[in-house]
């Protein structure tokens, strides 16, 4: 098993500047993106995922929150992929259901090496400071495409956008915590690679 499962990824585009430092075996961290609700969601990822995670980002929020949300997801995905290395010894799979008052969200994660996102349903009403379930989906799409993970997000009981987005991130955090744990010394695949 790898001794240090860490990564630092800095992504700079004409629209955003995102720095992610991830330690899968660390704990605590902070987020500063210039968008309060994205910071709030990242704080949930840190706390409930029991991750060492620092995120510093700026983006063209005068245009929309879309670019920042997507690029935070992309950079997080790249950091996870790098920190996992060859994924030797990880659990790989996780299935988590998180309630938040009237909202219930299920996240099923497979750190498979194959990128796929299912997000249902997509028509969640409302937004928080311009951030909607659409932006959450784009964040998760960037994350799955660049972490090469399979991720299913099912909104089983729907409330307003704040609770849906927060419950989904809390469920993802718990799923990441479980799937990335090293509990043995073999690769969790009969193919010999992920």
N, C-alpha and C. Protein backbone atom coordinates (compact mmCIF):
# COMPACT_ATOMS: atom_id res chain seq x y z
N UNK A 1 0.84 -1.19 0.00
CA UNK A 1 0.00 0.00 0.00
C UNK A 1 0.88 1.25 0.00
N UNK A 2 0.45 2.29 -0.69
CA UNK A 2 1.26 3.51 -0.74
C UNK A 2 1.34 4.17 0.63
N UNK A 3 2.51 4.74 0.92
CA UNK A 3 2.70 5.38 2.21
C UNK A 3 2.00 6.74 2.27
N UNK A 4 2.08 7.50 1.19
CA UNK A 4 1.47 8.83 1.16
C UNK A 4 0.48 8.91 0.02
N UNK A 5 -0.76 9.13 0.37
CA UNK A 5 -1.81 9.24 -0.66
C UNK A 5 -2.24 10.70 -0.72
N UNK A 6 -1.37 11.49 -1.36
CA UNK A 6 -1.58 12.92 -1.43
C UNK A 6 -1.45 13.40 -2.87
N UNK A 7 -2.06 14.55 -3.13
CA UNK A 7 -1.92 15.17 -4.44
C UNK A 7 -2.14 16.67 -4.31
N UNK A 8 -1.45 17.40 -5.15
CA UNK A 8 -1.65 18.83 -5.30
C UNK A 8 -1.85 19.10 -6.78
N UNK A 9 -3.00 19.68 -7.13
CA UNK A 9 -3.32 19.95 -8.53
C UNK A 9 -3.71 21.41 -8.66
N UNK A 10 -3.08 22.09 -9.61
CA UNK A 10 -3.37 23.50 -9.87
C UNK A 10 -3.86 23.62 -11.31
N UNK A 11 -5.10 24.02 -11.46
CA UNK A 11 -5.72 24.15 -12.79
C UNK A 11 -5.98 25.63 -13.07
N UNK A 12 -5.42 26.14 -14.15
CA UNK A 12 -5.62 27.53 -14.53
C UNK A 12 -6.19 27.58 -15.94
N UNK A 13 -7.31 28.25 -16.08
CA UNK A 13 -7.90 28.49 -17.40
C UNK A 13 -8.18 29.99 -17.52
N UNK A 14 -8.74 30.40 -18.65
CA UNK A 14 -9.13 31.81 -18.81
C UNK A 14 -10.33 32.15 -17.94
N UNK A 15 -11.00 31.14 -17.37
CA UNK A 15 -12.21 31.36 -16.59
C UNK A 15 -12.02 31.15 -15.09
N UNK A 16 -11.07 30.28 -14.72
CA UNK A 16 -10.89 29.94 -13.30
C UNK A 16 -9.42 29.69 -12.98
N UNK A 17 -9.15 29.73 -11.69
CA UNK A 17 -7.85 29.35 -11.15
C UNK A 17 -8.16 28.52 -9.90
N UNK A 18 -7.88 27.22 -9.95
CA UNK A 18 -8.28 26.30 -8.87
C UNK A 18 -7.05 25.53 -8.39
N UNK A 19 -6.82 25.59 -7.09
CA UNK A 19 -5.76 24.80 -6.46
C UNK A 19 -6.41 23.85 -5.45
N UNK A 20 -6.13 22.55 -5.60
CA UNK A 20 -6.64 21.54 -4.68
C UNK A 20 -5.47 20.77 -4.12
N UNK A 21 -5.41 20.69 -2.80
CA UNK A 21 -4.43 19.85 -2.11
C UNK A 21 -5.21 18.82 -1.31
N UNK A 22 -4.98 17.56 -1.62
CA UNK A 22 -5.76 16.46 -1.05
C UNK A 22 -4.85 15.46 -0.36
N UNK A 23 -5.24 15.09 0.85
CA UNK A 23 -4.55 14.03 1.60
C UNK A 23 -5.63 13.04 2.04
N UNK A 24 -5.66 11.88 1.40
CA UNK A 24 -6.71 10.90 1.69
C UNK A 24 -6.62 10.35 3.10
N UNK A 25 -5.46 10.45 3.71
CA UNK A 25 -5.28 9.94 5.06
C UNK A 25 -5.15 11.06 6.09
N UNK A 26 -5.39 12.28 5.66
CA UNK A 26 -5.35 13.42 6.56
C UNK A 26 -6.73 13.73 7.09
N UNK A 27 -6.85 14.86 7.75
CA UNK A 27 -8.16 15.30 8.20
C UNK A 27 -8.14 16.81 8.35
N UNK A 28 -9.27 17.40 8.05
CA UNK A 28 -9.41 18.83 8.19
C UNK A 28 -8.97 19.57 6.94
N UNK A 29 -9.25 20.84 6.93
CA UNK A 29 -8.89 21.66 5.79
C UNK A 29 -9.82 22.85 5.70
N UNK A 30 -9.81 23.49 4.56
CA UNK A 30 -10.66 24.65 4.36
C UNK A 30 -10.87 24.90 2.88
N UNK A 31 -11.85 25.76 2.59
CA UNK A 31 -12.18 26.08 1.21
C UNK A 31 -12.41 27.58 1.09
N UNK A 32 -11.88 28.16 0.04
CA UNK A 32 -12.11 29.58 -0.27
C UNK A 32 -12.19 29.71 -1.79
N UNK A 33 -13.40 29.84 -2.29
CA UNK A 33 -13.61 29.90 -3.74
C UNK A 33 -14.22 31.22 -4.20
N UNK A 34 -14.62 32.06 -3.27
CA UNK A 34 -15.32 33.27 -3.65
C UNK A 34 -16.81 33.09 -3.78
N UNK A 35 -17.29 31.86 -3.61
CA UNK A 35 -18.72 31.57 -3.66
C UNK A 35 -19.10 30.85 -2.37
N UNK A 36 -19.89 31.50 -1.55
CA UNK A 36 -20.19 30.98 -0.21
C UNK A 36 -20.79 29.59 -0.19
N UNK A 37 -21.70 29.30 -1.12
CA UNK A 37 -22.34 27.99 -1.08
C UNK A 37 -21.39 26.88 -1.54
N UNK A 38 -20.55 27.17 -2.53
CA UNK A 38 -19.54 26.17 -2.92
C UNK A 38 -18.61 25.91 -1.75
N UNK A 39 -18.21 26.95 -1.04
CA UNK A 39 -17.37 26.77 0.15
C UNK A 39 -18.09 25.90 1.18
N UNK A 40 -19.38 26.16 1.37
CA UNK A 40 -20.17 25.37 2.32
C UNK A 40 -20.19 23.90 1.93
N UNK A 41 -20.37 23.60 0.64
CA UNK A 41 -20.39 22.22 0.18
C UNK A 41 -19.02 21.56 0.34
N UNK A 42 -17.96 22.31 0.05
CA UNK A 42 -16.62 21.77 0.23
C UNK A 42 -16.32 21.51 1.70
N UNK A 43 -16.82 22.38 2.58
CA UNK A 43 -16.67 22.14 4.02
C UNK A 43 -17.35 20.83 4.43
N UNK A 44 -18.50 20.53 3.82
CA UNK A 44 -19.19 19.26 4.10
C UNK A 44 -18.35 18.08 3.61
N UNK A 45 -17.74 18.24 2.44
CA UNK A 45 -16.88 17.18 1.88
C UNK A 45 -15.70 16.91 2.82
N UNK A 46 -15.10 17.97 3.34
CA UNK A 46 -13.97 17.82 4.27
C UNK A 46 -14.41 17.12 5.55
N UNK A 47 -15.49 17.63 6.14
CA UNK A 47 -15.92 17.12 7.46
C UNK A 47 -16.44 15.69 7.36
N UNK A 48 -17.36 15.43 6.44
CA UNK A 48 -18.01 14.13 6.39
C UNK A 48 -17.17 13.08 5.64
N UNK A 49 -16.23 13.54 4.82
CA UNK A 49 -15.32 12.61 4.15
C UNK A 49 -14.08 12.31 4.96
N UNK A 50 -13.92 13.06 6.07
CA UNK A 50 -12.73 12.93 6.91
C UNK A 50 -11.46 13.01 6.07
N UNK A 51 -11.45 14.02 5.20
CA UNK A 51 -10.35 14.21 4.26
C UNK A 51 -9.46 15.37 4.70
N UNK A 52 -8.21 15.30 4.33
CA UNK A 52 -7.35 16.47 4.39
C UNK A 52 -7.51 17.16 3.05
N UNK A 53 -8.17 18.32 3.04
CA UNK A 53 -8.49 18.97 1.76
C UNK A 53 -8.42 20.48 1.90
N UNK A 54 -7.63 21.08 1.04
CA UNK A 54 -7.56 22.53 0.92
C UNK A 54 -7.94 22.89 -0.51
N UNK A 55 -8.87 23.82 -0.64
CA UNK A 55 -9.29 24.28 -1.97
C UNK A 55 -9.21 25.81 -1.99
N UNK A 56 -8.46 26.33 -2.93
CA UNK A 56 -8.36 27.77 -3.16
C UNK A 56 -8.72 28.01 -4.62
N UNK A 57 -9.69 28.86 -4.86
CA UNK A 57 -10.14 29.05 -6.24
C UNK A 57 -10.71 30.44 -6.45
N UNK A 58 -10.58 30.91 -7.67
CA UNK A 58 -11.27 32.10 -8.13
C UNK A 58 -11.88 31.77 -9.48
N UNK A 59 -12.92 32.48 -9.82
CA UNK A 59 -13.57 32.23 -11.09
C UNK A 59 -14.34 33.44 -11.56
N UNK A 60 -14.84 33.35 -12.78
CA UNK A 60 -15.58 34.46 -13.39
C UNK A 60 -17.03 34.45 -12.91
N UNK A 61 -17.20 34.68 -11.61
CA UNK A 61 -18.54 34.66 -11.02
C UNK A 61 -19.43 35.78 -11.55
N UNK A 62 -18.83 36.80 -12.15
CA UNK A 62 -19.63 37.85 -12.78
C UNK A 62 -20.36 37.33 -14.02
N UNK A 63 -19.87 36.21 -14.57
CA UNK A 63 -20.53 35.57 -15.71
C UNK A 63 -21.59 34.60 -15.21
N UNK A 64 -21.15 33.65 -14.35
CA UNK A 64 -22.02 32.59 -13.84
C UNK A 64 -21.19 31.77 -12.87
N UNK A 65 -21.86 30.94 -12.08
CA UNK A 65 -21.16 30.04 -11.17
C UNK A 65 -20.72 28.75 -11.88
N UNK A 66 -21.21 28.54 -13.10
CA UNK A 66 -20.97 27.29 -13.82
C UNK A 66 -19.49 26.94 -13.94
N UNK A 67 -18.67 27.88 -14.44
CA UNK A 67 -17.26 27.56 -14.69
C UNK A 67 -16.53 27.19 -13.41
N UNK A 68 -16.80 27.92 -12.33
CA UNK A 68 -16.16 27.62 -11.06
C UNK A 68 -16.58 26.25 -10.54
N UNK A 69 -17.87 25.97 -10.58
CA UNK A 69 -18.37 24.68 -10.10
C UNK A 69 -17.75 23.52 -10.89
N UNK A 70 -17.77 23.63 -12.20
CA UNK A 70 -17.22 22.57 -13.04
C UNK A 70 -15.72 22.38 -12.81
N UNK A 71 -14.98 23.48 -12.74
CA UNK A 71 -13.53 23.36 -12.61
C UNK A 71 -13.10 22.91 -11.22
N UNK A 72 -13.87 23.23 -10.19
CA UNK A 72 -13.60 22.67 -8.87
C UNK A 72 -13.78 21.15 -8.93
N UNK A 73 -14.85 20.70 -9.59
CA UNK A 73 -15.07 19.26 -9.75
C UNK A 73 -13.96 18.58 -10.53
N UNK A 74 -13.55 19.20 -11.63
CA UNK A 74 -12.46 18.64 -12.45
C UNK A 74 -11.18 18.50 -11.62
N UNK A 75 -10.83 19.56 -10.90
CA UNK A 75 -9.57 19.56 -10.15
C UNK A 75 -9.62 18.59 -8.98
N UNK A 76 -10.77 18.51 -8.31
CA UNK A 76 -10.93 17.50 -7.26
C UNK A 76 -10.77 16.09 -7.82
N UNK A 77 -11.36 15.85 -8.98
CA UNK A 77 -11.24 14.54 -9.62
C UNK A 77 -9.80 14.20 -9.97
N UNK A 78 -9.08 15.18 -10.52
CA UNK A 78 -7.66 14.95 -10.85
C UNK A 78 -6.84 14.66 -9.59
N UNK A 79 -7.14 15.39 -8.52
CA UNK A 79 -6.41 15.18 -7.27
C UNK A 79 -6.70 13.79 -6.70
N UNK A 80 -7.96 13.37 -6.74
CA UNK A 80 -8.30 12.04 -6.24
C UNK A 80 -7.58 10.96 -7.04
N UNK A 81 -7.62 11.08 -8.35
CA UNK A 81 -6.98 10.09 -9.22
C UNK A 81 -5.48 9.98 -8.91
N UNK A 82 -4.84 11.13 -8.74
CA UNK A 82 -3.41 11.14 -8.44
C UNK A 82 -3.13 10.57 -7.06
N UNK A 83 -3.92 10.98 -6.06
CA UNK A 83 -3.69 10.52 -4.69
C UNK A 83 -3.90 9.01 -4.54
N UNK A 84 -4.81 8.44 -5.31
CA UNK A 84 -5.06 7.00 -5.23
C UNK A 84 -3.93 6.17 -5.81
N UNK A 85 -3.13 6.76 -6.70
CA UNK A 85 -2.05 6.00 -7.32
C UNK A 85 -2.62 4.81 -8.08
N UNK A 86 -2.09 3.62 -7.81
CA UNK A 86 -2.61 2.43 -8.49
C UNK A 86 -3.81 1.83 -7.76
N UNK A 87 -4.28 2.49 -6.71
CA UNK A 87 -5.47 2.10 -5.95
C UNK A 87 -5.30 0.77 -5.22
N UNK A 88 -4.08 0.36 -5.00
CA UNK A 88 -3.81 -0.90 -4.31
C UNK A 88 -4.36 -0.85 -2.89
N UNK A 89 -5.17 -1.84 -2.53
CA UNK A 89 -5.67 -1.98 -1.17
C UNK A 89 -6.94 -1.24 -0.83
N UNK A 90 -7.48 -0.43 -1.76
CA UNK A 90 -8.69 0.33 -1.43
C UNK A 90 -9.93 -0.56 -1.43
N UNK A 91 -10.95 -0.09 -0.75
CA UNK A 91 -12.23 -0.80 -0.74
C UNK A 91 -12.91 -0.73 -2.10
N UNK A 92 -12.79 0.39 -2.80
CA UNK A 92 -13.27 0.64 -4.15
C UNK A 92 -14.74 1.03 -4.21
N UNK A 93 -15.63 0.30 -3.56
CA UNK A 93 -17.08 0.54 -3.65
C UNK A 93 -17.61 1.19 -2.37
N UNK A 94 -18.69 1.96 -2.53
CA UNK A 94 -19.42 2.48 -1.37
C UNK A 94 -20.84 2.85 -1.81
N UNK A 95 -21.77 2.66 -0.89
CA UNK A 95 -23.18 2.98 -1.10
C UNK A 95 -23.66 3.69 0.16
N UNK A 96 -24.09 4.94 0.02
CA UNK A 96 -24.46 5.76 1.18
C UNK A 96 -25.79 6.45 0.92
N UNK A 97 -26.66 6.47 1.91
CA UNK A 97 -27.90 7.24 1.85
C UNK A 97 -27.87 8.26 2.97
N UNK A 98 -28.12 9.52 2.63
CA UNK A 98 -28.09 10.60 3.61
C UNK A 98 -29.42 11.35 3.60
N UNK A 99 -30.05 11.49 4.77
CA UNK A 99 -31.25 12.32 4.88
C UNK A 99 -30.87 13.74 5.27
N UNK A 100 -31.66 14.69 4.85
CA UNK A 100 -31.55 16.06 5.35
C UNK A 100 -32.96 16.62 5.38
N UNK A 101 -33.57 16.49 6.54
CA UNK A 101 -34.97 16.89 6.73
C UNK A 101 -35.85 16.17 5.70
N UNK A 102 -36.47 16.90 4.80
CA UNK A 102 -37.40 16.32 3.83
C UNK A 102 -36.70 15.64 2.66
N UNK A 103 -35.39 15.80 2.58
CA UNK A 103 -34.61 15.32 1.43
C UNK A 103 -33.91 14.01 1.77
N UNK A 104 -33.81 13.13 0.79
CA UNK A 104 -33.09 11.86 0.95
C UNK A 104 -32.32 11.60 -0.34
N UNK A 105 -31.00 11.43 -0.21
CA UNK A 105 -30.15 11.25 -1.39
C UNK A 105 -29.29 10.00 -1.21
N UNK A 106 -29.21 9.21 -2.27
CA UNK A 106 -28.36 8.02 -2.31
C UNK A 106 -27.20 8.27 -3.27
N UNK A 107 -26.00 7.93 -2.82
CA UNK A 107 -24.81 7.98 -3.67
C UNK A 107 -24.19 6.60 -3.67
N UNK A 108 -23.95 6.08 -4.86
CA UNK A 108 -23.25 4.81 -5.04
C UNK A 108 -22.00 5.10 -5.86
N UNK A 109 -20.85 4.71 -5.32
CA UNK A 109 -19.56 5.06 -5.90
C UNK A 109 -18.75 3.81 -6.19
N UNK A 110 -18.11 3.80 -7.36
CA UNK A 110 -17.16 2.76 -7.72
C UNK A 110 -15.92 3.44 -8.27
N UNK A 111 -14.81 3.31 -7.57
CA UNK A 111 -13.54 3.88 -8.04
C UNK A 111 -12.95 2.90 -9.05
N UNK A 112 -13.61 2.80 -10.18
CA UNK A 112 -13.42 1.73 -11.15
C UNK A 112 -12.37 2.01 -12.21
N UNK A 113 -11.99 3.27 -12.38
CA UNK A 113 -11.16 3.62 -13.52
C UNK A 113 -12.00 3.93 -14.75
N UNK A 114 -13.32 3.88 -14.61
CA UNK A 114 -14.23 4.18 -15.73
C UNK A 114 -15.15 5.33 -15.31
N UNK A 115 -15.14 6.39 -16.10
CA UNK A 115 -15.92 7.58 -15.78
C UNK A 115 -17.37 7.43 -16.23
N UNK A 116 -18.28 7.59 -15.27
CA UNK A 116 -19.72 7.59 -15.60
C UNK A 116 -20.46 8.30 -14.48
N UNK A 117 -21.42 9.15 -14.86
CA UNK A 117 -22.27 9.83 -13.90
C UNK A 117 -23.73 9.61 -14.25
N UNK A 118 -24.49 9.15 -13.27
CA UNK A 118 -25.95 9.13 -13.37
C UNK A 118 -26.47 10.06 -12.28
N UNK A 119 -27.32 11.00 -12.65
CA UNK A 119 -27.84 12.00 -11.71
C UNK A 119 -29.34 12.12 -11.95
N UNK A 120 -30.13 11.61 -11.01
CA UNK A 120 -31.58 11.57 -11.22
C UNK A 120 -32.34 11.92 -9.95
N UNK A 121 -33.43 12.68 -10.07
CA UNK A 121 -33.82 13.41 -11.28
C UNK A 121 -33.05 14.72 -11.38
N UNK A 122 -33.03 15.31 -12.55
CA UNK A 122 -32.28 16.54 -12.77
C UNK A 122 -33.09 17.80 -12.52
N UNK A 123 -34.39 17.68 -12.39
CA UNK A 123 -35.26 18.87 -12.31
C UNK A 123 -35.57 19.27 -10.87
N UNK A 124 -34.52 19.59 -10.12
CA UNK A 124 -34.66 20.06 -8.74
C UNK A 124 -34.93 21.56 -8.78
N UNK A 125 -36.00 22.03 -8.15
CA UNK A 125 -36.31 23.45 -8.22
C UNK A 125 -35.40 24.30 -7.34
N UNK A 126 -35.21 25.55 -7.76
CA UNK A 126 -34.54 26.53 -6.93
C UNK A 126 -33.04 26.55 -7.06
N UNK A 127 -32.43 27.52 -6.35
CA UNK A 127 -30.98 27.66 -6.33
C UNK A 127 -30.58 28.36 -5.04
N UNK A 128 -29.29 28.31 -4.75
CA UNK A 128 -28.72 28.97 -3.57
C UNK A 128 -27.61 29.88 -4.07
N UNK A 129 -27.82 31.18 -3.98
CA UNK A 129 -26.81 32.14 -4.44
C UNK A 129 -26.38 31.82 -5.88
N UNK A 130 -27.35 31.44 -6.72
CA UNK A 130 -27.07 31.15 -8.12
C UNK A 130 -26.63 29.73 -8.39
N UNK A 131 -26.45 28.91 -7.35
CA UNK A 131 -25.99 27.53 -7.49
C UNK A 131 -27.20 26.61 -7.40
N UNK A 132 -27.43 25.84 -8.45
CA UNK A 132 -28.59 24.94 -8.51
C UNK A 132 -28.13 23.49 -8.63
N UNK A 133 -29.08 22.59 -8.66
CA UNK A 133 -28.75 21.17 -8.86
C UNK A 133 -28.08 20.96 -10.22
N UNK A 134 -28.38 21.80 -11.18
CA UNK A 134 -27.68 21.75 -12.47
C UNK A 134 -26.18 21.95 -12.26
N UNK A 135 -25.82 22.95 -11.44
CA UNK A 135 -24.40 23.21 -11.18
C UNK A 135 -23.77 22.07 -10.39
N UNK A 136 -24.53 21.49 -9.49
CA UNK A 136 -24.04 20.32 -8.76
C UNK A 136 -23.75 19.18 -9.73
N UNK A 137 -24.65 18.96 -10.66
CA UNK A 137 -24.44 17.90 -11.65
C UNK A 137 -23.18 18.16 -12.47
N UNK A 138 -22.95 19.41 -12.86
CA UNK A 138 -21.75 19.73 -13.64
C UNK A 138 -20.48 19.56 -12.80
N UNK A 139 -20.55 19.90 -11.52
CA UNK A 139 -19.44 19.67 -10.59
C UNK A 139 -19.14 18.17 -10.56
N UNK A 140 -20.18 17.36 -10.38
CA UNK A 140 -20.00 15.91 -10.28
C UNK A 140 -19.56 15.30 -11.61
N UNK A 141 -20.02 15.87 -12.72
CA UNK A 141 -19.57 15.38 -14.03
C UNK A 141 -18.07 15.62 -14.20
N UNK A 142 -17.61 16.82 -13.85
CA UNK A 142 -16.17 17.10 -13.90
C UNK A 142 -15.39 16.17 -12.99
N UNK A 143 -15.93 15.95 -11.79
CA UNK A 143 -15.28 15.06 -10.83
C UNK A 143 -15.17 13.63 -11.37
N UNK A 144 -16.26 13.07 -11.87
CA UNK A 144 -16.23 11.69 -12.34
C UNK A 144 -15.36 11.54 -13.59
N UNK A 145 -15.44 12.49 -14.50
CA UNK A 145 -14.63 12.40 -15.72
C UNK A 145 -13.14 12.39 -15.42
N UNK A 146 -12.73 13.12 -14.39
CA UNK A 146 -11.30 13.26 -14.13
C UNK A 146 -10.77 12.36 -13.01
N UNK A 147 -11.67 11.82 -12.19
CA UNK A 147 -11.25 10.80 -11.22
C UNK A 147 -11.38 9.40 -11.81
N UNK A 148 -12.07 9.30 -12.96
CA UNK A 148 -12.36 8.03 -13.61
C UNK A 148 -13.19 7.14 -12.68
N UNK A 149 -14.17 7.75 -12.04
CA UNK A 149 -15.05 7.02 -11.12
C UNK A 149 -16.43 6.85 -11.75
N UNK A 150 -17.13 5.83 -11.31
CA UNK A 150 -18.54 5.65 -11.63
C UNK A 150 -19.33 6.15 -10.42
N UNK A 151 -20.27 7.06 -10.68
CA UNK A 151 -21.02 7.69 -9.61
C UNK A 151 -22.49 7.76 -9.97
N UNK A 152 -23.33 7.20 -9.10
CA UNK A 152 -24.78 7.28 -9.25
C UNK A 152 -25.32 8.12 -8.10
N UNK A 153 -26.04 9.18 -8.44
CA UNK A 153 -26.67 10.04 -7.45
C UNK A 153 -28.17 9.97 -7.69
N UNK A 154 -28.90 9.49 -6.69
CA UNK A 154 -30.35 9.36 -6.78
C UNK A 154 -31.01 10.22 -5.69
N UNK A 155 -31.83 11.15 -6.11
CA UNK A 155 -32.58 11.96 -5.17
C UNK A 155 -33.88 11.22 -4.89
N UNK A 156 -33.93 10.57 -3.74
CA UNK A 156 -35.05 9.69 -3.41
C UNK A 156 -36.24 10.44 -2.86
N UNK A 157 -35.98 11.55 -2.18
CA UNK A 157 -37.04 12.43 -1.70
C UNK A 157 -36.52 13.85 -1.85
N UNK A 158 -37.29 14.69 -2.52
CA UNK A 158 -36.77 15.98 -2.93
C UNK A 158 -37.36 17.12 -2.11
N UNK A 159 -36.47 17.97 -1.63
CA UNK A 159 -36.88 19.22 -1.03
C UNK A 159 -36.36 20.34 -1.89
N UNK A 160 -35.93 21.43 -1.25
CA UNK A 160 -35.41 22.55 -2.02
C UNK A 160 -33.93 22.34 -2.34
N UNK A 161 -33.40 23.20 -3.19
CA UNK A 161 -32.07 23.00 -3.76
C UNK A 161 -30.98 22.92 -2.70
N UNK A 162 -31.05 23.74 -1.67
CA UNK A 162 -30.01 23.72 -0.64
C UNK A 162 -29.87 22.34 -0.02
N UNK A 163 -30.98 21.76 0.39
CA UNK A 163 -30.94 20.45 1.04
C UNK A 163 -30.53 19.35 0.07
N UNK A 164 -30.99 19.42 -1.16
CA UNK A 164 -30.62 18.41 -2.15
C UNK A 164 -29.12 18.44 -2.39
N UNK A 165 -28.58 19.62 -2.66
CA UNK A 165 -27.14 19.73 -2.94
C UNK A 165 -26.31 19.32 -1.73
N UNK A 166 -26.70 19.77 -0.55
CA UNK A 166 -25.93 19.46 0.65
C UNK A 166 -25.99 17.97 0.99
N UNK A 167 -27.16 17.37 0.89
CA UNK A 167 -27.27 15.94 1.17
C UNK A 167 -26.46 15.12 0.17
N UNK A 168 -26.46 15.54 -1.09
CA UNK A 168 -25.69 14.82 -2.12
C UNK A 168 -24.19 14.89 -1.82
N UNK A 169 -23.70 16.05 -1.44
CA UNK A 169 -22.27 16.18 -1.14
C UNK A 169 -21.91 15.42 0.13
N UNK A 170 -22.77 15.47 1.14
CA UNK A 170 -22.51 14.69 2.36
C UNK A 170 -22.45 13.20 2.04
N UNK A 171 -23.36 12.73 1.19
CA UNK A 171 -23.36 11.31 0.81
C UNK A 171 -22.11 10.98 0.00
N UNK A 172 -21.71 11.86 -0.92
CA UNK A 172 -20.48 11.64 -1.67
C UNK A 172 -19.28 11.60 -0.73
N UNK A 173 -19.26 12.50 0.24
CA UNK A 173 -18.15 12.54 1.21
C UNK A 173 -18.03 11.22 1.95
N UNK A 174 -19.16 10.72 2.46
CA UNK A 174 -19.15 9.44 3.18
C UNK A 174 -18.73 8.29 2.26
N UNK A 175 -19.21 8.34 1.02
CA UNK A 175 -18.85 7.30 0.06
C UNK A 175 -17.35 7.33 -0.24
N UNK A 176 -16.80 8.51 -0.42
CA UNK A 176 -15.35 8.63 -0.67
C UNK A 176 -14.55 8.11 0.53
N UNK A 177 -15.01 8.45 1.73
CA UNK A 177 -14.31 8.00 2.92
C UNK A 177 -14.26 6.47 2.97
N UNK A 178 -15.36 5.84 2.62
CA UNK A 178 -15.42 4.37 2.67
C UNK A 178 -14.66 3.73 1.52
N UNK A 179 -14.85 4.24 0.30
CA UNK A 179 -14.28 3.60 -0.89
C UNK A 179 -12.76 3.76 -0.96
N UNK A 180 -12.22 4.82 -0.38
CA UNK A 180 -10.77 5.05 -0.46
C UNK A 180 -10.00 4.42 0.69
N UNK A 181 -10.71 3.88 1.68
CA UNK A 181 -10.00 3.26 2.81
C UNK A 181 -9.19 2.07 2.33
N UNK A 182 -8.02 1.92 2.89
CA UNK A 182 -7.18 0.77 2.58
C UNK A 182 -7.37 -0.27 3.68
N UNK A 183 -7.95 -1.39 3.31
CA UNK A 183 -8.28 -2.43 4.29
C UNK A 183 -7.61 -3.76 3.98
N UNK A 184 -6.86 -3.81 2.91
CA UNK A 184 -6.17 -5.05 2.54
C UNK A 184 -4.98 -4.65 1.68
N UNK A 185 -4.23 -5.61 1.15
CA UNK A 185 -3.05 -5.26 0.36
C UNK A 185 -3.11 -5.78 -1.07
N UNK A 186 -4.33 -5.96 -1.58
CA UNK A 186 -4.48 -6.40 -2.95
C UNK A 186 -5.24 -5.35 -3.75
N UNK A 187 -5.20 -5.48 -5.05
CA UNK A 187 -5.96 -4.59 -5.93
C UNK A 187 -7.38 -5.12 -6.06
N UNK A 188 -8.40 -4.29 -5.86
CA UNK A 188 -9.78 -4.78 -5.88
C UNK A 188 -10.31 -4.95 -7.31
N UNK A 189 -9.63 -5.78 -8.10
CA UNK A 189 -10.06 -6.05 -9.47
C UNK A 189 -9.42 -7.34 -9.95
N UNK A 190 -10.21 -8.18 -10.61
CA UNK A 190 -9.66 -9.40 -11.16
C UNK A 190 -8.83 -9.13 -12.41
N UNK A 191 -8.97 -7.90 -12.98
CA UNK A 191 -8.20 -7.54 -14.18
C UNK A 191 -6.75 -7.21 -13.85
N UNK A 192 -6.48 -6.91 -12.57
CA UNK A 192 -5.14 -6.55 -12.17
C UNK A 192 -4.85 -5.06 -12.32
N UNK A 193 -5.86 -4.27 -12.70
CA UNK A 193 -5.71 -2.82 -12.82
C UNK A 193 -7.07 -2.16 -12.72
N UNK A 194 -7.07 -0.92 -12.30
CA UNK A 194 -8.30 -0.11 -12.30
C UNK A 194 -8.14 1.03 -13.27
